N, C-alpha and C. Protein backbone atom coordinates (compact mmCIF):
# COMPACT_ATOMS: atom_id res chain seq x y z
N MET A 1 39.61 -43.41 12.82
CA MET A 1 38.90 -43.21 11.64
C MET A 1 37.68 -43.10 11.46
N SER A 2 36.77 -43.50 12.49
CA SER A 2 35.27 -43.12 12.41
C SER A 2 35.22 -41.50 12.90
N THR A 3 36.26 -41.01 13.43
CA THR A 3 36.09 -39.81 14.00
C THR A 3 36.08 -38.75 12.76
N LYS A 4 37.23 -39.20 12.27
CA LYS A 4 37.27 -38.22 10.66
C LYS A 4 36.17 -38.46 9.84
N THR A 5 35.47 -39.53 9.77
CA THR A 5 34.26 -39.85 9.17
C THR A 5 33.15 -38.99 9.84
N ASP A 6 33.00 -38.95 10.98
CA ASP A 6 32.19 -38.23 11.65
C ASP A 6 32.21 -36.83 11.32
N LEU A 7 33.65 -36.23 11.60
CA LEU A 7 33.68 -34.91 11.23
C LEU A 7 33.32 -34.58 9.72
N ARG A 8 33.89 -35.36 9.03
CA ARG A 8 33.31 -35.09 7.58
C ARG A 8 31.81 -35.05 7.19
N THR A 9 31.01 -36.08 8.04
CA THR A 9 29.69 -36.09 7.94
C THR A 9 28.82 -34.81 8.58
N ILE A 10 29.36 -34.59 9.95
CA ILE A 10 28.93 -33.42 10.33
C ILE A 10 29.11 -31.95 9.75
N SER A 11 30.44 -31.97 8.81
CA SER A 11 30.46 -30.79 8.06
C SER A 11 29.83 -30.64 6.92
N HIS A 12 29.53 -31.86 6.32
CA HIS A 12 29.03 -32.20 5.32
C HIS A 12 27.37 -31.62 5.41
N LEU A 13 26.95 -32.06 6.51
CA LEU A 13 25.33 -31.82 7.30
C LEU A 13 25.43 -30.39 7.45
N LEU A 14 26.36 -29.62 7.92
CA LEU A 14 26.35 -28.42 8.44
C LEU A 14 26.25 -27.44 7.01
N GLY A 15 27.24 -27.91 5.94
CA GLY A 15 27.13 -27.37 4.77
C GLY A 15 25.99 -27.29 3.90
N ASP A 16 25.31 -28.56 3.91
CA ASP A 16 24.01 -28.81 3.52
C ASP A 16 23.10 -27.83 4.13
N ALA A 17 23.06 -27.72 5.47
CA ALA A 17 22.03 -26.84 6.09
C ALA A 17 22.22 -25.51 5.82
N LEU A 18 23.25 -24.87 5.67
CA LEU A 18 23.84 -23.65 5.26
C LEU A 18 23.17 -23.34 3.79
N SER A 19 23.46 -24.44 2.84
CA SER A 19 23.14 -24.17 1.75
C SER A 19 21.54 -23.95 1.28
N GLN A 20 20.92 -24.94 2.23
CA GLN A 20 19.40 -24.74 2.24
C GLN A 20 19.02 -23.51 2.70
N PHE A 21 19.85 -22.92 3.80
CA PHE A 21 19.23 -21.83 4.48
C PHE A 21 19.62 -20.50 3.38
N ALA A 22 20.56 -20.84 2.75
CA ALA A 22 20.63 -19.76 1.44
C ALA A 22 19.70 -19.81 0.61
N LYS A 23 19.15 -20.88 0.01
CA LYS A 23 18.38 -21.06 -1.04
C LYS A 23 16.94 -20.35 -0.25
N LEU A 24 16.73 -20.58 0.98
CA LEU A 24 15.35 -20.42 1.46
C LEU A 24 15.54 -18.50 1.75
N PHE A 25 16.79 -18.29 2.10
CA PHE A 25 16.57 -16.81 2.06
C PHE A 25 16.38 -16.35 0.51
N GLN A 26 17.28 -16.62 -0.39
CA GLN A 26 17.09 -16.30 -1.64
C GLN A 26 15.52 -16.27 -2.07
N ASN A 27 14.66 -17.51 -1.80
CA ASN A 27 13.31 -17.49 -2.12
C ASN A 27 12.61 -16.51 -1.26
N GLU A 28 12.92 -16.38 -0.17
CA GLU A 28 12.20 -15.11 0.48
C GLU A 28 12.64 -13.73 0.10
N VAL A 29 13.68 -13.49 -0.42
CA VAL A 29 14.08 -12.02 -1.07
C VAL A 29 13.04 -12.15 -2.41
N ASP A 30 13.10 -13.13 -3.15
CA ASP A 30 12.21 -13.31 -4.31
C ASP A 30 10.78 -12.91 -4.03
N LEU A 31 10.35 -13.54 -2.97
CA LEU A 31 8.82 -13.44 -2.65
C LEU A 31 8.55 -11.74 -2.15
N ALA A 32 9.81 -11.42 -1.52
CA ALA A 32 9.53 -9.88 -1.09
C ALA A 32 9.37 -9.01 -2.19
N LYS A 33 10.12 -9.00 -3.03
CA LYS A 33 10.41 -8.48 -4.41
C LYS A 33 9.09 -8.62 -5.06
N ALA A 34 8.48 -9.63 -5.17
CA ALA A 34 7.16 -9.89 -5.90
C ALA A 34 5.98 -9.25 -5.19
N GLU A 35 6.08 -9.25 -3.94
CA GLU A 35 5.04 -8.59 -3.04
C GLU A 35 5.20 -7.33 -3.22
N LEU A 36 6.31 -6.76 -3.00
CA LEU A 36 6.47 -5.14 -3.01
C LEU A 36 6.02 -4.57 -4.45
N GLY A 37 6.25 -5.45 -5.36
CA GLY A 37 6.14 -5.09 -6.79
C GLY A 37 4.42 -5.04 -6.75
N GLU A 38 3.80 -5.73 -6.03
CA GLU A 38 2.39 -5.43 -6.02
C GLU A 38 1.92 -4.34 -5.34
N LYS A 39 2.52 -4.10 -4.23
CA LYS A 39 2.19 -3.03 -3.55
C LYS A 39 2.35 -1.56 -4.30
N VAL A 40 3.62 -1.73 -4.88
CA VAL A 40 3.90 -0.36 -5.84
C VAL A 40 2.87 -0.36 -6.90
N GLN A 41 2.23 -1.25 -7.45
CA GLN A 41 1.34 -1.09 -8.33
C GLN A 41 -0.04 -0.72 -7.89
N GLN A 42 -0.43 -0.99 -6.58
CA GLN A 42 -1.60 -0.54 -5.77
C GLN A 42 -1.36 0.89 -5.56
N ILE A 43 -0.13 1.21 -5.03
CA ILE A 43 0.09 2.90 -4.86
C ILE A 43 -0.16 3.66 -6.17
N GLY A 44 0.48 2.96 -7.34
CA GLY A 44 0.51 3.67 -8.41
C GLY A 44 -1.11 3.71 -8.97
N GLY A 45 -1.88 2.84 -8.61
CA GLY A 45 -3.31 2.92 -9.00
C GLY A 45 -3.96 4.00 -8.11
N ALA A 46 -3.58 3.89 -6.97
CA ALA A 46 -4.14 5.05 -5.98
C ALA A 46 -3.91 6.49 -6.33
N VAL A 47 -3.14 6.43 -6.61
CA VAL A 47 -2.36 7.96 -7.12
C VAL A 47 -3.09 7.96 -8.12
N GLY A 48 -3.00 7.23 -9.29
CA GLY A 48 -3.69 7.66 -10.60
C GLY A 48 -4.94 7.97 -10.64
N LEU A 49 -5.93 7.23 -9.21
CA LEU A 49 -7.22 7.51 -9.23
C LEU A 49 -7.42 8.98 -8.56
N ILE A 50 -6.50 9.29 -7.51
CA ILE A 50 -6.52 10.54 -7.07
C ILE A 50 -6.43 11.56 -7.95
N ALA A 51 -5.36 11.56 -8.92
CA ALA A 51 -5.02 12.55 -10.00
C ALA A 51 -6.20 12.52 -11.01
N ALA A 52 -6.69 11.37 -11.38
CA ALA A 52 -7.64 11.75 -12.40
C ALA A 52 -9.11 12.17 -11.74
N GLY A 53 -9.35 11.98 -10.46
CA GLY A 53 -10.45 12.54 -9.77
C GLY A 53 -10.37 14.02 -9.75
N ALA A 54 -9.06 14.36 -9.48
CA ALA A 54 -8.89 15.73 -9.25
C ALA A 54 -9.05 16.50 -10.48
N VAL A 55 -8.38 15.94 -11.40
CA VAL A 55 -8.72 16.55 -12.82
C VAL A 55 -9.85 16.64 -13.40
N LEU A 56 -10.52 15.35 -13.41
CA LEU A 56 -11.96 15.47 -14.00
C LEU A 56 -12.99 16.27 -13.16
N VAL A 57 -13.06 16.42 -12.02
CA VAL A 57 -13.97 16.80 -11.00
C VAL A 57 -13.99 18.35 -11.13
N ILE A 58 -12.78 18.98 -11.16
CA ILE A 58 -12.49 20.52 -11.10
C ILE A 58 -13.76 21.10 -11.99
N PRO A 59 -13.72 20.88 -13.41
CA PRO A 59 -14.57 21.61 -14.28
C PRO A 59 -16.12 21.37 -13.88
N ALA A 60 -16.28 20.08 -13.61
CA ALA A 60 -17.94 19.76 -13.12
C ALA A 60 -17.92 20.42 -11.75
N ILE A 61 -17.30 20.55 -10.68
CA ILE A 61 -17.54 21.01 -9.61
C ILE A 61 -17.91 22.70 -9.77
N VAL A 62 -16.92 23.26 -10.54
CA VAL A 62 -16.92 24.67 -10.87
C VAL A 62 -18.32 25.07 -11.39
N MET A 63 -18.70 24.11 -12.48
CA MET A 63 -19.94 24.55 -13.09
C MET A 63 -21.28 24.26 -12.19
N ALA A 64 -21.08 23.28 -11.32
CA ALA A 64 -22.26 23.20 -10.37
C ALA A 64 -22.20 23.88 -9.07
N LEU A 65 -21.23 24.47 -8.92
CA LEU A 65 -20.80 25.79 -7.89
C LEU A 65 -21.67 26.85 -8.61
N PHE A 66 -21.44 27.04 -9.71
CA PHE A 66 -21.89 28.47 -10.31
C PHE A 66 -23.59 28.29 -10.42
N ALA A 67 -23.81 26.97 -10.77
CA ALA A 67 -25.36 26.56 -10.77
C ALA A 67 -25.93 26.88 -9.53
N LEU A 68 -25.30 26.20 -8.54
CA LEU A 68 -25.85 26.44 -7.05
C LEU A 68 -26.07 27.89 -6.80
N SER A 69 -24.93 28.47 -6.97
CA SER A 69 -24.86 30.13 -6.49
C SER A 69 -25.95 30.72 -7.22
N ALA A 70 -26.06 30.51 -8.37
CA ALA A 70 -27.22 31.20 -9.26
C ALA A 70 -28.43 30.89 -8.68
N ALA A 71 -28.89 29.56 -8.30
CA ALA A 71 -30.04 29.41 -7.83
C ALA A 71 -30.26 29.82 -6.51
N LEU A 72 -29.27 29.83 -5.69
CA LEU A 72 -29.61 30.44 -4.38
C LEU A 72 -29.81 31.89 -4.62
N ILE A 73 -29.24 32.71 -5.45
CA ILE A 73 -29.53 34.23 -5.57
C ILE A 73 -30.71 34.31 -6.25
N ALA A 74 -31.11 33.48 -7.08
CA ALA A 74 -32.54 33.51 -7.75
C ALA A 74 -33.56 33.45 -6.80
N GLY A 75 -33.02 32.46 -5.33
CA GLY A 75 -34.14 32.28 -4.46
C GLY A 75 -34.03 33.46 -3.41
N GLY A 76 -33.47 34.42 -3.59
CA GLY A 76 -33.66 35.65 -2.91
C GLY A 76 -32.23 35.63 -1.93
N TRP A 77 -31.49 34.72 -1.72
CA TRP A 77 -30.09 34.76 -1.08
C TRP A 77 -29.13 35.86 -1.74
N SER A 78 -28.50 36.28 -0.61
CA SER A 78 -27.54 37.49 -1.12
C SER A 78 -26.45 36.81 -1.80
N GLN A 79 -25.67 37.42 -2.80
CA GLN A 79 -24.65 36.92 -3.45
C GLN A 79 -23.34 36.26 -2.64
N PRO A 80 -23.22 37.02 -1.60
CA PRO A 80 -21.70 36.62 -0.75
C PRO A 80 -21.99 35.33 -0.11
N VAL A 81 -23.65 35.19 0.42
CA VAL A 81 -24.01 33.96 0.97
C VAL A 81 -23.89 32.74 0.00
N ALA A 82 -24.56 32.97 -0.89
CA ALA A 82 -24.63 32.10 -2.03
C ALA A 82 -23.35 31.50 -2.07
N TYR A 83 -22.43 32.29 -2.72
CA TYR A 83 -21.00 31.72 -2.94
C TYR A 83 -20.49 31.29 -1.67
N LEU A 84 -20.51 31.56 -0.43
CA LEU A 84 -20.03 30.77 0.51
C LEU A 84 -20.70 29.62 0.63
N ILE A 85 -22.23 29.28 0.57
CA ILE A 85 -22.67 28.07 0.70
C ILE A 85 -22.04 27.15 -0.60
N SER A 86 -21.84 27.69 -1.69
CA SER A 86 -21.08 26.75 -2.91
C SER A 86 -19.85 26.23 -2.26
N ALA A 87 -19.00 27.42 -1.75
CA ALA A 87 -17.54 27.00 -1.26
C ALA A 87 -17.90 25.82 -0.19
N ILE A 88 -18.72 25.78 0.67
CA ILE A 88 -18.84 24.90 1.68
C ILE A 88 -18.98 23.71 0.96
N VAL A 89 -20.02 23.40 -0.01
CA VAL A 89 -20.20 22.18 -0.84
C VAL A 89 -18.93 21.59 -1.35
N ALA A 90 -18.06 22.76 -2.10
CA ALA A 90 -17.04 22.22 -2.72
C ALA A 90 -16.11 21.61 -1.46
N ALA A 91 -15.75 22.34 -0.32
CA ALA A 91 -14.88 21.70 0.42
C ALA A 91 -15.18 20.40 0.98
N VAL A 92 -16.53 19.98 1.13
CA VAL A 92 -17.01 18.76 1.60
C VAL A 92 -16.64 17.89 0.82
N LEU A 93 -16.95 17.99 -0.70
CA LEU A 93 -16.67 17.07 -1.87
C LEU A 93 -15.04 16.97 -1.67
N ALA A 94 -14.32 18.21 -1.66
CA ALA A 94 -12.97 17.72 -1.80
C ALA A 94 -12.26 16.75 -0.52
N ALA A 95 -13.03 16.93 0.55
CA ALA A 95 -12.55 16.29 1.70
C ALA A 95 -12.93 14.62 1.32
N ILE A 96 -14.09 14.47 0.92
CA ILE A 96 -14.44 13.17 0.47
C ILE A 96 -13.38 12.40 -0.36
N LEU A 97 -13.09 13.34 -1.53
CA LEU A 97 -12.10 12.63 -2.39
C LEU A 97 -10.67 12.46 -1.85
N PHE A 98 -10.38 13.31 -0.85
CA PHE A 98 -9.15 13.23 -0.48
C PHE A 98 -9.06 12.13 0.68
N ALA A 99 -10.04 11.87 1.41
CA ALA A 99 -10.33 10.64 2.38
C ALA A 99 -10.11 9.45 1.62
N VAL A 100 -10.91 9.09 0.49
CA VAL A 100 -10.82 7.83 -0.20
C VAL A 100 -9.43 7.69 -0.70
N GLY A 101 -8.72 8.71 -1.24
CA GLY A 101 -7.49 8.41 -1.77
C GLY A 101 -6.37 8.05 -0.54
N MET A 102 -6.62 8.62 0.35
CA MET A 102 -5.73 8.47 1.59
C MET A 102 -5.91 7.19 2.30
N SER A 103 -7.17 6.56 2.37
CA SER A 103 -7.63 5.26 2.67
C SER A 103 -6.96 4.12 1.89
N ARG A 104 -6.82 4.45 0.61
CA ARG A 104 -6.27 3.56 -0.22
C ARG A 104 -4.52 3.42 -0.11
N LEU A 105 -4.10 4.46 0.39
CA LEU A 105 -2.63 4.67 0.67
C LEU A 105 -2.22 4.22 2.24
N ASP A 106 -3.29 3.40 2.84
CA ASP A 106 -3.14 3.08 4.19
C ASP A 106 -1.76 2.09 4.25
N ALA A 107 -1.08 2.42 5.37
CA ALA A 107 0.36 1.39 5.47
C ALA A 107 -0.05 -0.06 5.90
N ARG A 108 -1.06 -0.06 6.60
CA ARG A 108 -1.69 -1.49 6.81
C ARG A 108 -1.78 -2.36 5.74
N HIS A 109 -2.49 -1.67 4.65
CA HIS A 109 -2.74 -2.51 3.33
C HIS A 109 -1.54 -2.61 2.42
N LEU A 110 -0.55 -1.98 2.62
CA LEU A 110 0.47 -2.23 1.65
C LEU A 110 1.86 -2.82 2.39
N ALA A 111 1.57 -3.22 3.79
CA ALA A 111 2.66 -3.89 4.22
C ALA A 111 2.87 -5.35 3.50
N PRO A 112 4.06 -5.68 3.27
CA PRO A 112 4.10 -7.02 2.60
C PRO A 112 3.93 -8.21 3.64
N ARG A 113 2.65 -8.49 4.18
CA ARG A 113 2.38 -9.35 5.01
C ARG A 113 2.71 -10.82 4.63
N GLU A 114 2.49 -11.18 3.46
CA GLU A 114 2.89 -12.61 3.25
C GLU A 114 4.60 -13.01 3.44
N THR A 115 5.37 -11.86 2.86
CA THR A 115 6.54 -11.88 3.06
C THR A 115 7.08 -11.99 4.57
N LEU A 116 6.53 -11.20 5.50
CA LEU A 116 6.65 -11.01 6.79
C LEU A 116 6.41 -12.54 7.85
N ARG A 117 5.21 -12.89 7.01
CA ARG A 117 4.51 -14.13 7.53
C ARG A 117 5.54 -15.23 7.33
N GLN A 118 6.14 -15.29 5.93
CA GLN A 118 7.10 -16.32 5.67
C GLN A 118 8.39 -16.32 6.29
N LEU A 119 8.90 -15.25 6.53
CA LEU A 119 10.09 -14.91 7.13
C LEU A 119 10.07 -15.19 8.59
N GLU A 120 9.10 -15.13 9.35
CA GLU A 120 8.80 -15.63 10.57
C GLU A 120 8.88 -17.12 10.75
N LYS A 121 8.39 -17.86 9.81
CA LYS A 121 8.36 -19.28 9.43
C LYS A 121 9.66 -19.67 9.45
N ASP A 122 10.36 -19.16 8.58
CA ASP A 122 11.81 -19.48 8.26
C ASP A 122 12.77 -19.01 9.69
N LYS A 123 12.36 -18.06 10.25
CA LYS A 123 13.25 -17.93 11.36
C LYS A 123 12.94 -19.07 12.64
N ASP A 124 11.78 -19.40 12.50
CA ASP A 124 11.46 -20.79 13.50
C ASP A 124 12.20 -21.98 13.00
N THR A 125 12.00 -22.14 11.77
CA THR A 125 12.77 -23.44 11.09
C THR A 125 14.27 -23.35 11.37
N VAL A 126 14.99 -22.16 11.11
CA VAL A 126 16.27 -22.05 11.34
C VAL A 126 16.61 -22.46 12.88
N LYS A 127 15.95 -21.86 13.64
CA LYS A 127 16.11 -22.20 15.13
C LYS A 127 15.97 -23.30 15.46
N GLY A 128 14.95 -24.17 14.81
CA GLY A 128 14.91 -25.61 14.86
C GLY A 128 16.02 -26.49 14.49
N MET A 129 16.34 -26.04 13.35
CA MET A 129 17.82 -26.65 12.92
C MET A 129 18.92 -26.39 13.62
N VAL A 130 19.02 -25.29 14.36
CA VAL A 130 20.21 -25.12 15.15
C VAL A 130 20.49 -26.01 16.32
N ARG A 131 19.18 -26.05 16.93
CA ARG A 131 19.00 -26.97 18.07
C ARG A 131 19.39 -28.48 17.75
């Protein structure tokens, strides 16, 4: 009789453990969803900044490059050299904007670190339960 009771107790404990593991897994899925949602917002913000920067800086840079070229020409530089220097200045500014935008999209900053850390803890907990 105690064997039947022991089996029922063991099966009940195993059922509880599996139920707790399912709840834990669902909580981790919910955490991952929330964290990934935050990361998507970060990406959206970075892309928005890149786009806004590109749109707003174009007319300003064009006018500044015209002014730079005019100043160089007035200073005695030849027209082709003045325009080349203006183009180099524009390329440097574009590289800076590109680098800032790309740094904000770095995968290391977008990884769901909290979820990964929590999943590692859960894996250790399940291993401990199985022993």
